[in-house]
Amino acid sequence: QVQLVESGGDLVQPGGSLRLSCTASGFTFSSYSMYWVRQAPGEGLEWVSVITRAGITITTFADSVKGRFIISRDNVKNTLYLEMNSLKPEDTAVYHCMYEEGWGQGTQVTVSS
């Protein structure tokens, strides 16, 4: 069955960095664009970034993360990544990877001193 398993979330101080991973199984990972979305406490889903199948085109939706977050993928390892730098308290959220047919449970990122 389809599985998307996120990892790498943690408690980090402002200004710190994290690398999130999302390991996919049960579908042809390389055939789909992949997304990162996040949900802060008490807020709705926010689209963060998308990367196309071959990783050629990347779009960052959230202005607040432009220049700080980098999405990438490894189609051999069936894994999606989100490199997060210069983290701010407002980046605190549950981060989910998703594609057009499903999404994962998410990984918690907390930015606090």
Protein backbone atom coordinates (compact mmCIF):
# COMPACT_ATOMS: atom_id res chain seq x y z
CA GLN A 1 0.00 0.00 0.00
CA VAL A 2 1.01 3.63 -0.38
CA GLN A 3 3.18 4.94 2.42
CA LEU A 4 4.78 8.32 2.96
CA VAL A 5 6.89 8.44 6.10
CA GLU A 6 8.36 11.76 7.19
CA SER A 7 11.28 12.08 9.57
CA GLY A 8 13.82 14.60 10.77
CA GLY A 9 11.60 16.90 12.77
CA ASP A 10 12.99 18.16 16.05
CA LEU A 11 13.18 21.00 18.55
CA VAL A 12 15.68 23.54 17.26
CA GLN A 13 16.75 27.03 18.30
CA PRO A 14 16.00 30.03 16.10
CA GLY A 15 18.59 30.34 13.38
CA GLY A 16 19.18 26.61 13.32
CA SER A 17 18.79 24.11 10.52
CA LEU A 18 17.00 20.83 9.94
CA ARG A 19 16.71 18.38 7.08
CA LEU A 20 13.40 16.62 6.72
CA SER A 21 13.06 13.38 4.79
CA CYS A 22 10.05 11.62 3.35
CA THR A 23 10.43 8.03 2.26
CA ALA A 24 7.82 6.80 -0.20
CA SER A 25 6.66 3.30 -1.03
CA GLY A 26 3.75 1.60 -2.73
CA PHE A 27 3.71 3.80 -5.81
CA THR A 28 6.05 4.91 -8.58
CA PHE A 29 7.70 7.81 -6.79
CA SER A 30 9.51 9.10 -9.86
CA SER A 31 6.22 9.54 -11.74
CA TYR A 32 4.81 12.21 -9.46
CA SER A 33 5.48 15.75 -8.46
CA MET A 34 5.98 15.90 -4.70
CA TYR A 35 5.01 18.58 -2.22
CA TRP A 36 5.83 19.72 1.26
CA VAL A 37 3.01 21.31 3.20
CA ARG A 38 2.85 22.39 6.83
CA GLN A 39 0.27 23.03 9.48
CA ALA A 40 1.01 25.32 12.38
CA PRO A 41 -0.93 24.98 15.64
CA GLY A 42 -4.47 26.27 15.15
CA GLU A 43 -3.85 27.08 11.49
CA GLY A 44 -4.79 25.57 8.16
CA LEU A 45 -2.51 23.82 5.72
CA GLU A 46 0.14 25.96 4.07
CA TRP A 47 1.77 24.91 0.81
CA VAL A 48 5.52 25.15 1.21
CA SER A 49 7.14 23.87 -1.96
CA VAL A 50 6.76 21.47 -4.90
CA ILE A 51 9.28 19.62 -7.05
CA THR A 52 8.45 18.01 -10.37
CA ARG A 53 9.06 14.38 -11.26
CA ALA A 54 12.61 14.73 -12.51
CA GLY A 55 13.43 17.54 -10.11
CA ILE A 56 13.79 20.02 -12.93
CA THR A 57 11.23 22.52 -11.77
CA ILE A 58 10.87 23.72 -8.23
CA THR A 59 8.28 26.15 -7.01
CA THR A 60 8.22 27.63 -3.54
CA PHE A 61 4.74 28.75 -2.61
CA ALA A 62 5.33 30.30 0.77
CA ASP A 63 7.04 33.68 0.57
CA SER A 64 8.10 33.30 4.17
CA VAL A 65 10.43 30.40 3.36
CA LYS A 66 11.93 31.59 0.07
CA GLY A 67 15.69 31.66 0.29
CA ARG A 68 15.69 29.53 3.43
CA PHE A 69 14.07 26.19 2.49
CA ILE A 70 15.25 23.93 -0.32
CA ILE A 71 13.25 21.01 -1.66
CA SER A 72 15.00 18.13 -3.39
CA ARG A 73 14.42 14.48 -4.25
CA ASP A 74 16.28 11.25 -4.89
CA ASN A 75 14.28 9.08 -7.26
CA VAL A 76 16.61 6.13 -6.69
CA LYS A 77 16.01 6.19 -2.95
CA ASN A 78 12.32 7.19 -3.35
CA THR A 79 12.93 10.00 -0.92
CA LEU A 80 11.89 13.63 -0.77
CA TYR A 81 13.86 16.16 1.26
CA LEU A 82 13.37 19.60 2.72
CA GLU A 83 16.48 21.46 3.80
CA MET A 84 15.43 24.13 6.29
CA ASN A 85 17.83 26.92 7.22
CA SER A 86 17.67 30.06 9.35
CA LEU A 87 14.66 28.64 11.13
CA LYS A 88 12.25 31.02 12.84
CA PRO A 89 9.66 30.41 15.57
CA GLU A 90 6.94 30.92 12.96
CA ASP A 91 8.24 27.85 11.12
CA THR A 92 6.92 25.73 13.98
CA ALA A 93 4.47 23.27 12.45
CA VAL A 94 3.82 19.69 11.48
CA TYR A 95 5.41 19.14 8.08
CA HIS A 96 3.82 16.69 5.69
CA CYS A 97 4.98 15.38 2.36
CA MET A 98 2.28 14.67 -0.17
CA TYR A 99 1.48 13.83 -3.74
CA GLU A 100 -1.77 13.91 -5.65
CA GLU A 101 -3.05 10.68 -4.14
CA GLY A 102 -2.03 10.90 -0.52
CA TRP A 103 0.06 12.36 2.24
CA GLY A 104 2.02 11.25 5.25
CA GLN A 105 1.43 11.59 8.98
CA GLY A 106 3.93 14.40 9.27
CA THR A 107 6.92 15.28 11.41
CA GLN A 108 6.91 17.97 14.11
CA VAL A 109 9.27 20.91 13.78
CA THR A 110 9.47 23.21 16.78
CA VAL A 111 11.61 26.34 16.67
CA SER A 112 12.11 27.82 20.11
CA SER A 113 14.82 29.10 22.40
